[in-house]
Amino acid sequence: MHPRALLFLLFIGLQFSATGQEVESDPQSAIPWIRIPADIRASGMGDVGVATEADVNAARWNPAKLVWLGHTSELGVSYLPYLRTLINDAFLLGGNYAKRINDESALAVGFTYFTVGEVELRETIDQEALLVQPNTFTLDVAYGLQLNDEWSVGAGLRFISDNQQTPDDLTSDRAGNALAADVGVFYRSKLQVTEGNDSRWRAGVALSNVGTPIAYVSDGPESPLPTTLRFGVGRDIIYDYDSSLSLTLEANTMVVAVSDNSLGLGLGAEYVFRSDLFLRSGYYLDTADNTDRNYLTLGAGVRRGNLLVDVSYLFSTSRVVNPFENTLRVGISLGFGQRFYHY
């Protein structure tokens, strides 16, 4: 069997196992890949983002971070190849635009698009192929509000459309659509000035994808969205005006009654030189027994003027193949207007 066909059958199996008779004994969440933010900076830091400093992708992790943007507005696009060792047209694409409305509030809009590419399905070698292209699309809007010099809150809404395009024997008569909400809180302490290195603490909590269940057949069974709780703490160590180091530890877990709600832990580090060179690393650990979510990451970013280019790479430490290993992930963002240095 062609690897692409095998991938698609797995794709279908995951979806319909969540809506079949076995739901009560071994339930699964729908569209698990919407838990993967298309964020190259975070992917180089062990996939931490709920308590890190804000950037154009802040709303997908914690909408409360939006008020700490580094520019008046920012625009970013990220591209993450998926299972590149098997196929060449499966990917996750994301785009975000964030803007500071005033000194106390900010707004963001964004989208993600995930596809496993075009798949040929046939029961026999002589049968005419059925061409399908499963994909998932999300559209987001988020708002952040600063409460005082240290605390901010935020909320967001997400429209999700999951188009299965399954063959007749597993008929899906429409795309599965759902609405979801995100809420978050972010804390950023005042700068602690000492004779040596200055420093500050960061902390964040966010609940994402709280929404309506999703179904692929009219009046058919429904599956819950992968509602996820994330929380984390971090510390910035500022050596001088030219260099700083940020360390962040985060945890996440599913909060719906499904079988895939193990605890995930991420530890990330980012070294910044003159706000123009970024070196990153991280490690992600999942407590599930058999998972592809144990991995080491490396990342880097270079800023020239208002243009920032980020890259990241993943080294799997699991026995299960990680769909993002052996691929270079790339993101580009632009800053507009005034630049802010949140000392």
Protein backbone atom coordinates (compact mmCIF):
# COMPACT_ATOMS: atom_id res chain seq x y z
CA MET A 1 0.00 0.00 0.00
CA HIS A 2 1.25 3.47 -0.84
CA PRO A 3 2.36 5.44 2.25
CA ARG A 4 -0.12 8.21 1.41
CA ALA A 5 -3.04 5.77 1.32
CA LEU A 6 -1.91 4.29 4.63
CA LEU A 7 -1.75 7.77 6.14
CA PHE A 8 -5.26 8.55 4.93
CA LEU A 9 -6.70 5.31 6.31
CA LEU A 10 -5.17 6.20 9.67
CA PHE A 11 -6.67 9.68 9.31
CA ILE A 12 -10.13 8.20 8.72
CA GLY A 13 -9.74 5.63 11.47
CA LEU A 14 -8.92 8.23 14.08
CA GLN A 15 -11.92 10.32 13.16
CA PHE A 16 -14.50 7.54 12.98
CA SER A 17 -13.24 5.73 16.07
CA ALA A 18 -14.23 8.89 17.86
CA THR A 19 -17.78 8.71 16.50
CA GLY A 20 -18.38 4.94 16.41
CA GLN A 21 -19.78 2.42 18.91
CA GLU A 22 -16.55 2.25 20.87
CA VAL A 23 -16.77 5.86 22.02
CA GLU A 24 -17.92 4.96 25.52
CA SER A 25 -15.10 2.48 26.15
CA ASP A 26 -12.18 4.30 24.47
CA PRO A 27 -13.23 7.83 23.48
CA GLN A 28 -10.99 10.04 21.34
CA SER A 29 -11.08 13.78 20.76
CA ALA A 30 -11.82 15.12 17.31
CA ILE A 31 -9.19 16.79 15.07
CA PRO A 32 -6.24 16.44 17.48
CA TRP A 33 -3.93 18.45 15.19
CA ILE A 34 -5.64 21.73 16.10
CA ARG A 35 -3.67 21.44 19.35
CA ILE A 36 -0.51 22.13 17.30
CA PRO A 37 0.01 25.90 16.98
CA ALA A 38 1.70 26.92 13.74
CA ASP A 39 4.43 28.82 15.61
CA ILE A 40 8.07 28.39 14.60
CA ARG A 41 9.50 30.27 17.57
CA ALA A 42 7.64 28.02 20.03
CA SER A 43 8.48 24.88 18.05
CA GLY A 44 12.17 25.61 18.58
CA MET A 45 11.64 25.88 22.35
CA GLY A 46 9.97 22.56 23.13
CA ASP A 47 6.50 23.84 22.15
CA VAL A 48 6.11 26.24 25.06
CA GLY A 49 4.07 29.39 24.54
CA VAL A 50 1.50 30.10 27.24
CA ALA A 51 3.99 31.94 29.50
CA THR A 52 6.61 33.20 27.01
CA GLU A 53 7.06 36.78 25.83
CA ALA A 54 4.47 37.91 23.29
CA ASP A 55 4.88 37.82 19.52
CA VAL A 56 2.57 37.71 16.50
CA ASN A 57 1.47 34.15 17.40
CA ALA A 58 0.55 35.02 21.00
CA ALA A 59 -3.21 34.55 20.57
CA ARG A 60 -2.94 30.87 19.65
CA TRP A 61 -1.23 30.14 22.97
CA ASN A 62 -2.61 32.73 25.37
CA PRO A 63 -4.64 35.74 24.14
CA ALA A 64 -3.74 37.62 27.34
CA LYS A 65 -0.18 38.07 25.98
CA LEU A 66 -1.34 40.25 23.07
CA VAL A 67 -0.97 43.53 24.97
CA TRP A 68 2.79 42.92 25.25
CA LEU A 69 3.47 42.93 21.49
CA GLY A 70 6.87 44.21 20.38
CA HIS A 71 5.44 46.46 17.64
CA THR A 72 2.31 48.49 17.07
CA SER A 73 1.23 45.66 14.74
CA GLU A 74 2.76 42.42 13.47
CA LEU A 75 2.05 40.06 10.59
CA GLY A 76 3.38 36.50 10.44
CA VAL A 77 3.21 33.32 8.36
CA SER A 78 4.46 29.85 9.38
CA TYR A 79 4.98 26.68 7.33
CA LEU A 80 5.41 23.25 8.93
CA PRO A 81 5.95 20.22 6.61
CA TYR A 82 4.18 17.09 7.85
CA LEU A 83 5.48 13.51 7.40
CA ARG A 84 7.97 14.79 4.84
CA THR A 85 9.88 11.48 4.86
CA LEU A 86 6.79 9.77 3.34
CA ILE A 87 4.96 12.41 1.28
CA ASN A 88 5.73 15.88 0.01
CA ASP A 89 2.42 17.76 0.07
CA ALA A 90 1.19 17.33 3.64
CA PHE A 91 1.71 20.45 5.75
CA LEU A 92 0.42 22.81 8.40
CA LEU A 93 0.18 26.47 7.38
CA GLY A 94 -0.62 29.34 9.71
CA GLY A 95 -1.01 33.09 9.48
CA ASN A 96 -1.64 35.73 12.14
CA TYR A 97 -2.06 39.49 12.36
CA ALA A 98 -1.92 41.25 15.74
CA LYS A 99 -2.36 44.95 16.51
CA ARG A 100 -2.16 47.09 19.63
CA ILE A 101 -5.40 49.13 19.77
CA ASN A 102 -4.04 51.37 22.54
CA ASP A 103 -1.76 51.09 25.56
CA GLU A 104 -4.14 48.69 27.33
CA SER A 105 -5.62 46.47 24.61
CA ALA A 106 -4.79 44.53 21.47
CA LEU A 107 -6.60 42.51 18.81
CA ALA A 108 -5.52 39.55 16.65
CA VAL A 109 -6.93 37.55 13.75
CA GLY A 110 -5.47 34.38 12.26
CA PHE A 111 -5.98 31.12 10.43
CA THR A 112 -4.50 27.64 10.16
CA TYR A 113 -4.78 25.14 7.32
CA PHE A 114 -3.78 21.47 7.63
CA THR A 115 -3.82 18.92 4.81
CA VAL A 116 -2.38 15.48 4.09
CA GLY A 117 -2.39 16.27 0.37
CA GLU A 118 -4.22 14.56 -2.47
CA VAL A 119 -4.92 10.88 -1.85
CA GLU A 120 -5.91 8.18 -4.36
CA LEU A 121 -8.29 5.55 -2.97
CA ARG A 122 -9.28 2.32 -4.73
CA GLU A 123 -10.37 -1.17 -3.63
CA THR A 124 -8.61 -2.99 -6.50
CA ILE A 125 -5.68 -2.10 -8.73
CA ASP A 126 -7.97 -1.90 -11.77
CA GLN A 127 -10.56 0.35 -10.18
CA GLU A 128 -10.66 4.02 -11.10
CA ALA A 129 -9.11 6.01 -8.26
CA LEU A 130 -11.18 8.23 -6.03
CA LEU A 131 -9.24 11.45 -5.39
CA VAL A 132 -9.74 13.07 -1.99
CA GLN A 133 -7.89 15.83 -0.13
CA PRO A 134 -8.74 15.83 3.58
CA ASN A 135 -8.10 19.16 5.26
CA THR A 136 -8.85 21.20 8.36
CA PHE A 137 -9.28 24.99 8.42
CA THR A 138 -9.58 27.30 11.42
CA LEU A 139 -10.29 31.03 11.59
CA ASP A 140 -9.52 32.95 14.80
CA VAL A 141 -10.14 36.30 16.44
CA ALA A 142 -8.77 37.25 19.88
CA TYR A 143 -8.64 40.22 22.24
CA GLY A 144 -6.23 41.05 25.05
CA LEU A 145 -6.68 43.59 27.87
CA GLN A 146 -4.02 44.87 30.27
CA LEU A 147 -5.33 45.22 33.84
CA ASN A 148 -2.27 46.91 35.36
CA ASP A 149 1.53 46.96 35.01
CA GLU A 150 1.79 43.21 35.68
CA TRP A 151 -1.47 41.43 34.78
CA SER A 152 -3.43 40.97 31.55
CA VAL A 153 -6.35 38.82 30.42
CA GLY A 154 -7.62 37.74 27.03
CA ALA A 155 -10.21 35.74 25.15
CA GLY A 156 -10.67 34.41 21.64
CA LEU A 157 -13.14 32.70 19.31
CA ARG A 158 -12.34 30.01 16.73
CA PHE A 159 -14.32 28.62 13.80
CA ILE A 160 -13.27 25.10 12.81
CA SER A 161 -14.09 23.29 9.56
CA ASP A 162 -12.86 19.70 9.22
CA ASN A 163 -13.44 18.33 5.71
CA GLN A 164 -13.06 14.54 5.66
CA GLN A 165 -14.12 13.80 2.04
CA THR A 166 -14.39 10.12 2.88
CA PRO A 167 -15.32 7.36 0.41
CA ASP A 168 -18.89 6.05 0.10
CA ASP A 169 -18.51 3.20 2.55
CA LEU A 170 -17.61 5.69 5.28
CA THR A 171 -19.88 8.45 4.07
CA SER A 172 -19.32 11.90 5.54
CA ASP A 173 -22.08 14.01 4.03
CA ARG A 174 -20.66 17.36 5.13
CA ALA A 175 -17.65 18.98 6.68
CA GLY A 176 -17.57 18.86 10.44
CA ASN A 177 -17.94 22.42 11.77
CA ALA A 178 -17.52 23.72 15.30
CA LEU A 179 -17.09 26.89 17.32
CA ALA A 180 -14.56 27.14 20.13
CA ALA A 181 -13.35 29.70 22.64
CA ASP A 182 -10.01 30.42 24.34
CA VAL A 183 -9.41 32.32 27.59
CA GLY A 184 -6.15 33.20 29.28
CA VAL A 185 -4.35 35.12 32.03
CA PHE A 186 -0.76 36.38 31.84
CA TYR A 187 1.53 37.75 34.56
CA ARG A 188 4.72 39.69 33.93
CA SER A 189 6.50 41.02 37.00
CA LYS A 190 8.22 44.34 37.22
CA LEU A 191 11.92 44.29 36.46
CA GLN A 192 13.96 43.26 39.48
CA VAL A 193 17.11 45.39 39.39
CA THR A 194 20.17 44.07 41.23
CA GLU A 195 23.90 44.75 41.21
CA GLY A 196 24.37 41.74 38.96
CA ASN A 197 21.83 40.61 36.38
CA ASP A 198 18.37 42.13 36.22
CA SER A 199 15.48 39.68 36.02
CA ARG A 200 11.70 39.22 35.96
CA TRP A 201 9.15 36.45 36.35
CA ARG A 202 6.46 35.42 33.87
CA ALA A 203 3.45 33.13 34.30
CA GLY A 204 0.47 32.17 32.19
CA VAL A 205 -2.65 30.00 32.22
CA ALA A 206 -4.89 29.37 29.21
CA LEU A 207 -7.83 27.14 28.37
CA SER A 208 -8.26 26.55 24.64
CA ASN A 209 -10.76 24.91 22.28
CA VAL A 210 -13.71 25.05 24.64
CA GLY A 211 -16.60 24.57 22.27
CA THR A 212 -19.28 22.63 20.52
CA PRO A 213 -18.76 18.95 19.65
CA ILE A 214 -18.21 18.06 16.03
CA ALA A 215 -20.07 15.59 13.77
CA TYR A 216 -19.51 14.49 10.17
CA VAL A 217 -22.92 12.98 9.42
CA SER A 218 -26.22 14.81 9.83
CA ASP A 219 -27.91 13.72 13.07
CA GLY A 220 -24.94 11.42 13.67
CA PRO A 221 -22.71 10.88 16.73
CA GLU A 222 -20.55 13.76 17.91
CA SER A 223 -16.98 13.96 19.20
CA PRO A 224 -15.58 16.51 21.69
CA LEU A 225 -13.01 19.08 20.69
CA PRO A 226 -9.53 18.68 22.22
CA THR A 227 -10.09 21.19 25.03
CA THR A 228 -6.66 21.82 26.52
CA LEU A 229 -5.44 23.46 29.72
CA ARG A 230 -1.95 24.99 29.58
CA PHE A 231 -0.04 26.64 32.40
CA GLY A 232 3.56 27.65 32.88
CA VAL A 233 6.16 29.87 34.53
CA GLY A 234 9.26 31.55 33.17
CA ARG A 235 12.14 33.78 34.14
CA ASP A 236 14.04 36.37 32.11
CA ILE A 237 17.65 37.03 33.01
CA ILE A 238 18.88 40.31 31.49
CA TYR A 239 22.66 40.45 31.42
CA ASP A 240 22.96 43.89 29.83
CA TYR A 241 21.36 45.97 27.08
CA ASP A 242 22.69 43.55 24.46
CA SER A 243 21.85 40.08 25.78
CA SER A 244 19.28 38.16 27.79
CA LEU A 245 18.23 34.59 28.50
CA SER A 246 14.66 33.36 28.96
CA LEU A 247 13.74 30.02 30.55
CA THR A 248 10.17 28.67 30.50
CA LEU A 249 8.58 25.53 31.96
CA GLU A 250 5.06 24.59 30.92
CA ALA A 251 2.54 21.77 31.27
CA ASN A 252 -0.62 20.90 29.38
CA THR A 253 -3.38 18.33 29.51
CA MET A 254 -6.74 17.60 27.92
CA VAL A 255 -9.70 18.43 30.14
CA VAL A 256 -12.41 16.48 28.29
CA ALA A 257 -13.33 12.86 29.05
CA VAL A 258 -11.19 11.17 26.40
CA SER A 259 -8.47 8.53 26.44
CA ASP A 260 -5.71 10.79 25.06
CA ASN A 261 -5.45 13.24 27.99
CA SER A 262 -1.93 12.53 29.20
CA LEU A 263 0.19 15.26 30.76
CA GLY A 264 2.69 17.03 28.51
CA LEU A 265 5.71 18.94 29.83
CA GLY A 266 7.81 21.43 27.88
CA LEU A 267 11.03 23.19 28.86
CA GLY A 268 12.30 25.93 26.57
CA ALA A 269 15.20 28.40 26.47
CA GLU A 270 15.81 31.46 24.30
CA TYR A 271 18.98 33.56 24.17
CA VAL A 272 18.54 37.03 22.63
CA PHE A 273 21.40 39.21 21.39
CA ARG A 274 20.63 42.88 20.66
CA SER A 275 16.98 41.93 19.98
CA ASP A 276 18.10 40.78 16.51
CA LEU A 277 19.61 37.31 16.99
CA PHE A 278 17.69 34.50 18.72
CA LEU A 279 19.03 31.07 19.68
CA ARG A 280 16.53 28.55 21.05
CA SER A 281 16.31 25.03 22.38
CA GLY A 282 13.82 22.91 24.27
CA TYR A 283 12.58 19.48 25.24
CA TYR A 284 9.03 18.13 25.27
CA LEU A 285 7.97 15.07 27.29
CA ASP A 286 4.60 13.31 27.17
CA THR A 287 3.65 11.00 30.02
CA ALA A 288 1.70 8.62 27.74
CA ASP A 289 3.21 5.13 27.41
CA ASN A 290 3.37 5.02 23.60
CA THR A 291 3.59 8.47 22.03
CA ASP A 292 5.41 10.44 19.32
CA ARG A 293 5.52 13.51 21.58
CA ASN A 294 8.94 13.10 23.20
CA TYR A 295 11.46 15.25 21.39
CA LEU A 296 14.36 17.71 21.50
CA THR A 297 14.08 20.93 19.52
CA LEU A 298 16.49 23.56 18.21
CA GLY A 299 15.62 26.92 16.73
CA ALA A 300 17.00 30.26 15.62
CA GLY A 301 15.78 33.63 14.47
CA VAL A 302 17.37 36.59 12.70
CA ARG A 303 15.88 40.08 12.54
CA ARG A 304 16.81 42.65 9.88
CA GLY A 305 14.96 45.88 10.45
CA ASN A 306 11.31 44.92 10.86
CA LEU A 307 11.68 41.52 9.18
CA LEU A 308 12.16 38.42 11.36
CA VAL A 309 12.91 34.94 9.98
CA ASP A 310 12.59 31.94 12.31
CA VAL A 311 13.53 28.29 11.77
CA SER A 312 13.24 25.20 13.95
CA TYR A 313 14.16 21.52 13.82
CA LEU A 314 12.93 18.52 15.83
CA PHE A 315 14.86 15.43 16.98
CA SER A 316 12.49 12.69 18.10
CA THR A 317 13.35 10.66 21.21
CA SER A 318 10.24 8.43 20.95
CA ARG A 319 9.94 4.92 19.56
CA VAL A 320 7.01 6.21 17.49
CA VAL A 321 7.79 8.32 14.41
CA ASN A 322 7.10 12.02 14.96
CA PRO A 323 5.43 13.59 11.89
CA PHE A 324 7.62 16.70 12.18
CA GLU A 325 11.03 15.05 12.51
CA ASN A 326 13.66 15.44 9.77
CA THR A 327 12.01 18.64 8.51
CA LEU A 328 12.97 22.30 8.69
CA ARG A 329 10.08 24.51 9.80
CA VAL A 330 10.10 28.16 8.72
CA GLY A 331 8.30 31.31 9.81
CA ILE A 332 8.43 34.93 8.61
CA SER A 333 7.02 37.94 10.43
CA LEU A 334 6.97 41.69 9.90
CA GLY A 335 6.65 44.44 12.49
CA PHE A 336 4.95 47.74 11.71
CA GLY A 337 4.84 51.06 13.51
CA GLN A 338 6.53 51.78 16.81
CA ARG A 339 8.84 49.19 18.34
CA PHE A 340 8.45 48.51 22.07
CA TYR A 341 11.12 47.28 24.45
CA HIS A 342 9.26 46.01 27.53
CA TYR A 343 11.98 46.43 30.17
